[in-house]
Amino acid sequence: MPQRPTSEELAALREELSSVDRALLEVVARRSRCVAEIAAFKAREDVPALDRARETDHLESMLARGAELGLVEDLVRPLFEALFAASRAEQRHVRLAALAPLRVGIVGATAGIGATLARVFTRAGLVVEGTGLDAGAPAGEIAARSELVVLAAPIDVTCAVAAQVGPHVVPGACLMDVTSVKRAPIAAMLAATSPEVDVVGAHPLFGPSAAADLEGRRVVLCRGRGDVWMPRVARLFELLGAEVVEADAEEHDHHMAFGQALTQAKAIALGATLARSGVSLARARALSTETSRADLSTLERLAAQRPGLFADLLCENPEAPSACAALAQELAALAREAAAHDRDALIRQFMAVARVVLGGA
């Protein structure tokens, strides 16, 4: 039997561990100073803050070195991912600090995605003024003294709010919505503003969050009018950590009909089917595969949202009803083939879908 260390030996070992940890912190501090110098250089030379290829290669190199030292990947990977995230945050901080103070007015800043953006913009050093149903100055007044006016109202009233707020946006400023559909809001903003006002349609592809920035998030931007604010808004979101994807309004709404509205409709249909079948969600989760549990998790997240948001996604996107109808047809065909025990037809259907998915089409 190995001899257990004495209390004196344990105390010495702990002191050695503490010494190593202090040295580790000193190395991290040295790394942070190096990151700050790189951030300043990139900002000065306008080099992109994120170099995904460099980050990936460096992580692979550190994983390999860790393996040589006998360290498991489960320790090395999260350590360097945290360091990389801190580096990106430092670079964003340097660039945001260099921006001139931007006056942002948010209509709908007291709840939902509007509240999230108000908090993130404020923490980034922007001058933010918000209004909601029961708080803040009148929306028109806020619009008149803001450079970037953000409409974060519910989808079903966004066009009406744009008509109310748009005439107050001053020439040279920008009016931007953040709803999940784009064609109708952009058209409404264009109609309500003067030609000297830029218009941008934005869709944050995430829900309300308490995060300090937009690290790892994605935002779709659709051009409405003007060449000044589209790149400026894109740069702002990128400096906040988001990945920006540009699309035109028609393309956006087409993909959202299938990628968002249809996904949520499928989840609600699943929930309704379980309820009518007398299956409890808890029991379904206990007896589900990982894939099925993912579908149930989507249903649970959806059920926690505001019901009107789900209804708006299906009612306000003109392509959503046809997308749901197409899904219903496919499900009906699968049900007929299953009832007929037509195994060959089911396999053909599966293979046809697999070819599309695996082929990247």
Protein backbone atom coordinates (compact mmCIF):
# COMPACT_ATOMS: atom_id res chain seq x y z
CA MET A 1 0.00 0.00 0.00
CA PRO A 2 1.39 3.45 -0.88
CA GLN A 3 2.12 5.62 2.13
CA ARG A 4 -0.27 8.50 2.59
CA PRO A 5 1.35 11.95 2.78
CA THR A 6 1.54 13.59 6.18
CA SER A 7 -0.22 16.84 6.86
CA GLU A 8 3.12 18.65 6.49
CA GLU A 9 3.75 16.99 3.12
CA LEU A 10 0.23 17.85 1.93
CA ALA A 11 0.71 21.47 2.97
CA ALA A 12 3.99 21.59 1.01
CA LEU A 13 2.33 20.09 -2.06
CA ARG A 14 -0.49 22.62 -1.86
CA GLU A 15 1.99 25.47 -1.57
CA GLU A 16 3.80 24.16 -4.65
CA LEU A 17 0.47 24.01 -6.49
CA SER A 18 -0.34 27.59 -5.47
CA SER A 19 3.08 28.69 -6.69
CA VAL A 20 2.46 27.03 -10.06
CA ASP A 21 -0.97 28.70 -10.28
CA ARG A 22 0.56 32.11 -9.57
CA ALA A 23 3.11 31.51 -12.30
CA LEU A 24 0.30 30.46 -14.61
CA LEU A 25 -1.49 33.76 -13.96
CA GLU A 26 1.69 35.66 -14.73
CA VAL A 27 1.95 33.86 -18.07
CA VAL A 28 -1.70 34.66 -18.84
CA ALA A 29 -1.05 38.32 -17.98
CA ARG A 30 1.95 38.31 -20.32
CA ARG A 31 -0.25 36.80 -23.02
CA SER A 32 -2.88 39.51 -22.42
CA ARG A 33 -0.28 42.23 -22.89
CA CYS A 34 0.75 40.64 -26.18
CA VAL A 35 -2.90 40.44 -27.27
CA ALA A 36 -3.35 44.14 -26.44
CA GLU A 37 -0.41 45.05 -28.69
CA ILE A 38 -1.81 42.92 -31.51
CA ALA A 39 -5.25 44.50 -31.06
CA ALA A 40 -3.78 47.99 -31.26
CA PHE A 41 -1.81 47.07 -34.41
CA LYS A 42 -4.85 45.53 -36.11
CA ALA A 43 -6.99 48.54 -35.28
CA ARG A 44 -4.33 50.95 -36.51
CA GLU A 45 -3.76 49.07 -39.77
CA ASP A 46 -7.45 48.10 -40.18
CA VAL A 47 -6.62 44.39 -40.18
CA PRO A 48 -9.69 42.18 -39.55
CA ALA A 49 -10.01 41.31 -35.87
CA LEU A 50 -11.01 37.70 -36.50
CA ASP A 51 -8.69 35.39 -38.41
CA ARG A 52 -10.57 32.11 -38.22
CA ALA A 53 -7.94 30.12 -40.13
CA ARG A 54 -5.15 31.35 -37.86
CA GLU A 55 -7.24 30.59 -34.77
CA THR A 56 -8.05 27.07 -35.97
CA ASP A 57 -4.44 26.30 -36.89
CA HIS A 58 -3.15 27.62 -33.57
CA LEU A 59 -5.69 25.57 -31.62
CA GLU A 60 -4.69 22.41 -33.46
CA SER A 61 -1.04 23.19 -32.71
CA MET A 62 -1.78 23.65 -29.01
CA LEU A 63 -3.80 20.43 -28.89
CA ALA A 64 -0.88 18.57 -30.42
CA ARG A 65 1.58 20.14 -27.98
CA GLY A 66 -0.73 19.35 -25.08
CA ALA A 67 -0.88 15.71 -26.14
CA GLU A 68 2.95 15.62 -26.17
CA LEU A 69 2.90 16.90 -22.59
CA GLY A 70 0.37 14.27 -21.54
CA LEU A 71 -2.58 16.68 -21.27
CA VAL A 72 -6.03 15.53 -22.35
CA GLU A 73 -7.91 17.47 -25.03
CA ASP A 74 -10.84 18.07 -22.65
CA LEU A 75 -8.50 20.30 -20.64
CA VAL A 76 -6.52 21.98 -23.42
CA ARG A 77 -9.39 22.80 -25.80
CA PRO A 78 -11.64 24.76 -23.39
CA LEU A 79 -8.59 26.52 -21.96
CA PHE A 80 -7.53 27.92 -25.33
CA GLU A 81 -11.07 28.54 -26.49
CA ALA A 82 -11.51 30.77 -23.42
CA LEU A 83 -8.22 32.54 -24.16
CA PHE A 84 -9.21 33.04 -27.80
CA ALA A 85 -12.58 34.46 -26.76
CA ALA A 86 -10.83 36.91 -24.42
CA SER A 87 -8.51 37.92 -27.26
CA ARG A 88 -11.42 38.61 -29.59
CA ALA A 89 -13.14 40.63 -26.88
CA GLU A 90 -10.00 42.72 -26.37
CA GLN A 91 -9.74 43.45 -30.09
CA ARG A 92 -13.40 44.46 -30.22
CA HIS A 93 -12.96 46.70 -27.19
CA VAL A 94 -10.03 48.55 -28.78
CA ARG A 95 -11.94 49.18 -32.01
CA LEU A 96 -15.17 50.19 -30.31
CA ALA A 97 -13.27 52.66 -28.13
CA ALA A 98 -11.86 54.25 -31.29
CA LEU A 99 -15.31 54.86 -32.77
CA ALA A 100 -16.91 58.24 -32.38
CA PRO A 101 -19.83 58.09 -29.90
CA LEU A 102 -22.85 56.86 -31.83
CA ARG A 103 -26.33 58.00 -30.76
CA VAL A 104 -28.75 55.09 -30.99
CA GLY A 105 -32.48 55.31 -30.43
CA ILE A 106 -34.35 52.03 -29.84
CA VAL A 107 -38.11 51.86 -30.15
CA GLY A 108 -39.03 48.82 -28.08
CA ALA A 109 -35.99 48.88 -25.79
CA THR A 110 -37.73 47.63 -22.65
CA ALA A 111 -38.31 44.00 -23.63
CA GLY A 112 -37.19 41.21 -25.94
CA ILE A 113 -34.46 41.70 -28.51
CA GLY A 114 -34.73 45.48 -28.15
CA ALA A 115 -33.70 45.25 -24.50
CA THR A 116 -30.82 42.94 -25.42
CA LEU A 117 -29.50 45.35 -28.05
CA ALA A 118 -29.92 48.32 -25.71
CA ARG A 119 -27.82 46.57 -23.07
CA VAL A 120 -25.14 45.40 -25.52
CA PHE A 121 -24.87 48.80 -27.23
CA THR A 122 -24.65 50.61 -23.89
CA ARG A 123 -21.90 48.31 -22.60
CA ALA A 124 -20.01 48.95 -25.84
CA GLY A 125 -19.96 52.68 -25.11
CA LEU A 126 -22.69 53.83 -27.50
CA VAL A 127 -25.11 56.55 -26.43
CA VAL A 128 -28.42 54.70 -26.22
CA GLU A 129 -31.88 56.14 -25.63
CA GLY A 130 -34.78 53.74 -25.55
CA THR A 131 -38.51 53.82 -25.35
CA GLY A 132 -41.15 51.20 -24.67
CA LEU A 133 -44.84 50.93 -23.97
CA ASP A 134 -44.56 52.40 -20.49
CA ALA A 135 -41.15 54.07 -20.45
CA GLY A 136 -39.07 56.63 -22.27
CA ALA A 137 -39.74 59.72 -24.34
CA PRO A 138 -42.08 59.63 -27.35
CA ALA A 139 -40.65 57.53 -30.18
CA GLY A 140 -40.68 60.46 -32.61
CA GLU A 141 -38.57 62.60 -30.28
CA ILE A 142 -36.01 59.85 -29.81
CA ALA A 143 -35.84 59.28 -33.58
CA ALA A 144 -35.25 62.98 -34.23
CA ARG A 145 -32.12 63.07 -32.05
CA SER A 146 -30.60 59.69 -33.00
CA GLU A 147 -28.17 58.73 -35.73
CA LEU A 148 -29.26 55.09 -35.80
CA VAL A 149 -32.94 54.44 -35.09
CA VAL A 150 -33.81 50.82 -34.32
CA LEU A 151 -37.37 49.48 -34.56
CA ALA A 152 -37.69 46.53 -32.17
CA ALA A 153 -41.47 46.39 -32.10
CA PRO A 154 -43.49 43.16 -32.56
CA ILE A 155 -43.67 42.00 -36.17
CA ASP A 156 -47.38 42.66 -36.56
CA VAL A 157 -47.05 46.37 -35.68
CA THR A 158 -43.59 47.10 -37.13
CA CYS A 159 -44.95 48.61 -40.35
CA ALA A 160 -47.30 50.87 -38.40
CA VAL A 161 -44.48 51.94 -36.07
CA ALA A 162 -42.26 52.64 -39.10
CA ALA A 163 -44.97 54.91 -40.53
CA GLN A 164 -45.14 56.76 -37.21
CA VAL A 165 -41.40 57.06 -36.55
CA GLY A 166 -40.00 57.34 -40.08
CA PRO A 167 -40.90 61.00 -40.74
CA HIS A 168 -38.92 62.05 -37.64
CA VAL A 169 -35.62 60.41 -38.70
CA VAL A 170 -33.25 63.17 -39.81
CA PRO A 171 -31.41 63.19 -43.16
CA GLY A 172 -28.08 61.38 -42.94
CA ALA A 173 -29.34 59.05 -40.21
CA CYS A 174 -30.48 55.44 -40.56
CA LEU A 175 -33.72 53.64 -39.79
CA MET A 176 -33.32 49.90 -39.11
CA ASP A 177 -35.76 47.22 -38.02
CA VAL A 178 -34.84 43.94 -36.26
CA THR A 179 -37.84 41.76 -37.07
CA SER A 180 -37.88 38.21 -38.46
CA VAL A 181 -39.36 39.21 -41.82
CA LYS A 182 -37.86 41.80 -44.11
CA ARG A 183 -39.84 42.65 -47.24
CA ALA A 184 -42.80 44.42 -45.62
CA PRO A 185 -40.80 46.28 -42.91
CA ILE A 186 -38.21 47.54 -45.41
CA ALA A 187 -40.96 48.72 -47.76
CA ALA A 188 -42.68 50.50 -44.87
CA MET A 189 -39.43 52.19 -43.74
CA LEU A 190 -38.67 53.33 -47.28
CA ALA A 191 -42.14 54.79 -47.66
CA ALA A 192 -42.01 56.62 -44.31
CA THR A 193 -38.58 58.26 -44.63
CA SER A 194 -37.03 60.90 -46.83
CA PRO A 195 -34.61 59.86 -49.59
CA GLU A 196 -31.74 61.25 -47.48
CA VAL A 197 -32.35 58.62 -44.78
CA ASP A 198 -30.62 55.25 -45.12
CA VAL A 199 -32.71 52.15 -44.50
CA VAL A 200 -31.37 48.78 -43.33
CA GLY A 201 -33.25 45.61 -42.51
CA ALA A 202 -31.64 43.51 -39.76
CA HIS A 203 -32.55 40.12 -38.35
CA PRO A 204 -30.61 38.98 -35.27
CA LEU A 205 -30.69 35.18 -35.51
CA PHE A 206 -30.92 34.77 -31.75
CA GLY A 207 -33.36 35.50 -28.98
CA PRO A 208 -33.17 37.84 -25.98
CA SER A 209 -30.01 37.24 -23.98
CA ALA A 210 -28.13 38.52 -20.94
CA ALA A 211 -24.78 38.24 -22.73
CA ALA A 212 -22.44 41.23 -22.59
CA ASP A 213 -21.74 41.13 -26.33
CA LEU A 214 -22.79 39.23 -29.45
CA GLU A 215 -19.90 36.74 -29.47
CA GLY A 216 -20.80 33.75 -31.63
CA ARG A 217 -24.14 35.24 -32.74
CA ARG A 218 -25.26 35.81 -36.31
CA VAL A 219 -27.08 38.80 -37.80
CA VAL A 220 -28.60 39.05 -41.28
CA LEU A 221 -28.54 42.47 -42.93
CA CYS A 222 -30.69 43.45 -45.91
CA ARG A 223 -30.03 46.62 -47.87
CA GLY A 224 -32.91 49.06 -48.09
CA ARG A 225 -31.53 52.43 -49.15
CA GLY A 226 -28.16 54.16 -49.08
CA ASP A 227 -24.51 53.16 -49.16
CA VAL A 228 -23.28 54.77 -45.93
CA TRP A 229 -25.04 52.92 -43.14
CA MET A 230 -25.14 49.39 -44.50
CA PRO A 231 -21.36 48.89 -44.07
CA ARG A 232 -21.38 50.96 -40.89
CA VAL A 233 -24.04 48.78 -39.27
CA ALA A 234 -22.24 45.64 -40.45
CA ARG A 235 -19.01 46.87 -38.89
CA LEU A 236 -20.80 47.71 -35.63
CA PHE A 237 -22.28 44.22 -35.30
CA GLU A 238 -18.94 42.63 -36.19
CA LEU A 239 -17.16 44.71 -33.55
CA LEU A 240 -19.72 43.44 -31.06
CA GLY A 241 -18.68 39.89 -31.94
CA ALA A 242 -21.42 38.89 -34.36
CA GLU A 243 -21.05 37.25 -37.75
CA VAL A 244 -22.84 39.32 -40.38
CA VAL A 245 -24.58 37.68 -43.34
CA GLU A 246 -25.89 39.88 -46.13
CA ALA A 247 -28.98 38.95 -48.14
CA ASP A 248 -31.71 40.69 -50.07
CA ALA A 249 -35.15 40.84 -48.49
CA GLU A 250 -36.73 38.29 -50.83
CA GLU A 251 -34.00 35.72 -50.22
CA HIS A 252 -34.19 36.30 -46.47
CA ASP A 253 -37.95 35.81 -46.24
CA HIS A 254 -37.82 32.72 -48.46
CA HIS A 255 -35.23 31.05 -46.26
CA MET A 256 -36.92 32.16 -43.03
CA ALA A 257 -40.17 30.58 -44.21
CA PHE A 258 -38.40 27.22 -44.26
CA GLY A 259 -35.60 27.69 -41.73
CA GLN A 260 -37.54 29.48 -38.99
CA ALA A 261 -41.31 29.53 -39.47
CA LEU A 262 -41.45 25.93 -40.69
CA THR A 263 -39.15 24.71 -37.91
CA GLN A 264 -41.36 26.29 -35.28
CA ALA A 265 -44.51 25.03 -36.96
CA LYS A 266 -43.06 21.51 -36.96
CA ALA A 267 -42.28 21.80 -33.25
CA ILE A 268 -45.80 22.99 -32.41
CA ALA A 269 -47.28 20.20 -34.54
CA LEU A 270 -45.12 17.71 -32.63
CA GLY A 271 -46.36 19.13 -29.32
CA ALA A 272 -49.99 18.99 -30.44
CA THR A 273 -49.54 15.39 -31.60
CA LEU A 274 -48.01 14.37 -28.27
CA ALA A 275 -50.79 16.13 -26.35
CA ARG A 276 -53.58 14.51 -28.36
CA SER A 277 -51.90 11.11 -28.06
CA GLY A 278 -51.76 11.38 -24.27
CA VAL A 279 -47.95 11.18 -24.21
CA SER A 280 -46.27 13.19 -21.46
CA LEU A 281 -43.30 15.31 -22.47
CA ALA A 282 -41.26 14.00 -19.54
CA ARG A 283 -41.88 10.39 -20.52
CA ALA A 284 -41.20 11.13 -24.18
CA ARG A 285 -37.86 12.66 -23.20
CA ALA A 286 -36.92 9.67 -21.03
CA LEU A 287 -37.58 7.25 -23.90
CA SER A 288 -36.10 9.38 -26.70
CA THR A 289 -32.89 9.16 -28.70
CA GLU A 290 -30.54 12.15 -28.79
CA THR A 291 -32.08 13.30 -32.08
CA SER A 292 -35.59 13.13 -30.68
CA ARG A 293 -34.55 14.92 -27.50
CA ALA A 294 -33.23 17.77 -29.65
CA ASP A 295 -36.70 18.14 -31.21
CA LEU A 296 -38.29 18.09 -27.76
CA SER A 297 -35.85 20.73 -26.54
CA THR A 298 -36.84 22.96 -29.48
CA LEU A 299 -40.48 22.50 -28.46
CA GLU A 300 -39.72 23.44 -24.85
CA ARG A 301 -37.82 26.59 -25.87
CA LEU A 302 -40.60 27.58 -28.22
CA ALA A 303 -43.27 27.07 -25.55
CA ALA A 304 -41.44 29.55 -23.30
CA GLN A 305 -41.65 32.33 -25.90
CA ARG A 306 -44.34 34.93 -26.40
CA PRO A 307 -47.19 33.18 -28.29
CA GLY A 308 -47.67 36.14 -30.59
CA LEU A 309 -44.14 35.77 -31.95
CA PHE A 310 -44.89 32.27 -33.23
CA ALA A 311 -48.15 33.45 -34.80
CA ASP A 312 -46.41 36.41 -36.43
CA LEU A 313 -43.74 34.22 -38.02
CA LEU A 314 -46.44 32.24 -39.81
CA CYS A 315 -48.83 35.11 -40.55
CA GLU A 316 -46.42 37.89 -41.55
CA ASN A 317 -44.11 35.89 -43.82
CA PRO A 318 -46.07 35.42 -47.07
CA GLU A 319 -44.19 32.19 -47.88
CA ALA A 320 -44.77 30.49 -44.52
CA PRO A 321 -48.23 29.04 -45.30
CA SER A 322 -47.03 27.34 -48.49
CA ALA A 323 -43.99 26.00 -46.63
CA CYS A 324 -46.24 24.47 -43.97
CA ALA A 325 -48.52 23.05 -46.67
CA ALA A 326 -45.52 21.43 -48.38
CA LEU A 327 -44.44 19.84 -45.09
CA ALA A 328 -47.97 18.56 -44.52
CA GLN A 329 -47.95 16.92 -47.96
CA GLU A 330 -44.64 15.18 -47.25
CA LEU A 331 -45.85 13.93 -43.88
CA ALA A 332 -49.08 12.68 -45.41
CA ALA A 333 -47.12 10.77 -48.06
CA LEU A 334 -44.89 9.21 -45.40
CA ALA A 335 -47.95 8.25 -43.35
CA ARG A 336 -49.55 6.53 -46.38
CA GLU A 337 -46.36 4.64 -47.18
CA ALA A 338 -45.93 3.55 -43.55
CA ALA A 339 -49.56 2.42 -43.33
CA ALA A 340 -49.10 0.39 -46.51
CA HIS A 341 -45.85 -1.12 -45.16
CA ASP A 342 -44.22 0.17 -48.35
CA ARG A 343 -40.66 -0.19 -47.12
CA ASP A 344 -39.13 0.35 -50.57
CA ALA A 345 -40.94 3.68 -51.03
CA LEU A 346 -39.77 4.88 -47.61
CA ILE A 347 -36.18 3.92 -48.43
CA ARG A 348 -36.37 5.75 -51.76
CA GLN A 349 -37.66 8.84 -50.02
CA PHE A 350 -34.89 8.64 -47.42
CA MET A 351 -32.19 8.18 -50.07
CA ALA A 352 -33.49 11.10 -52.12
CA VAL A 353 -33.26 13.38 -49.09
CA ALA A 354 -29.85 11.99 -48.10
CA ARG A 355 -28.45 12.77 -51.55
CA VAL A 356 -29.54 16.38 -51.23
CA VAL A 357 -28.30 16.79 -47.64
CA LEU A 358 -24.98 14.99 -48.06
CA GLY A 359 -24.42 16.63 -51.44
CA GLY A 360 -24.71 20.08 -49.89
CA ALA A 361 -27.50 21.22 -52.22
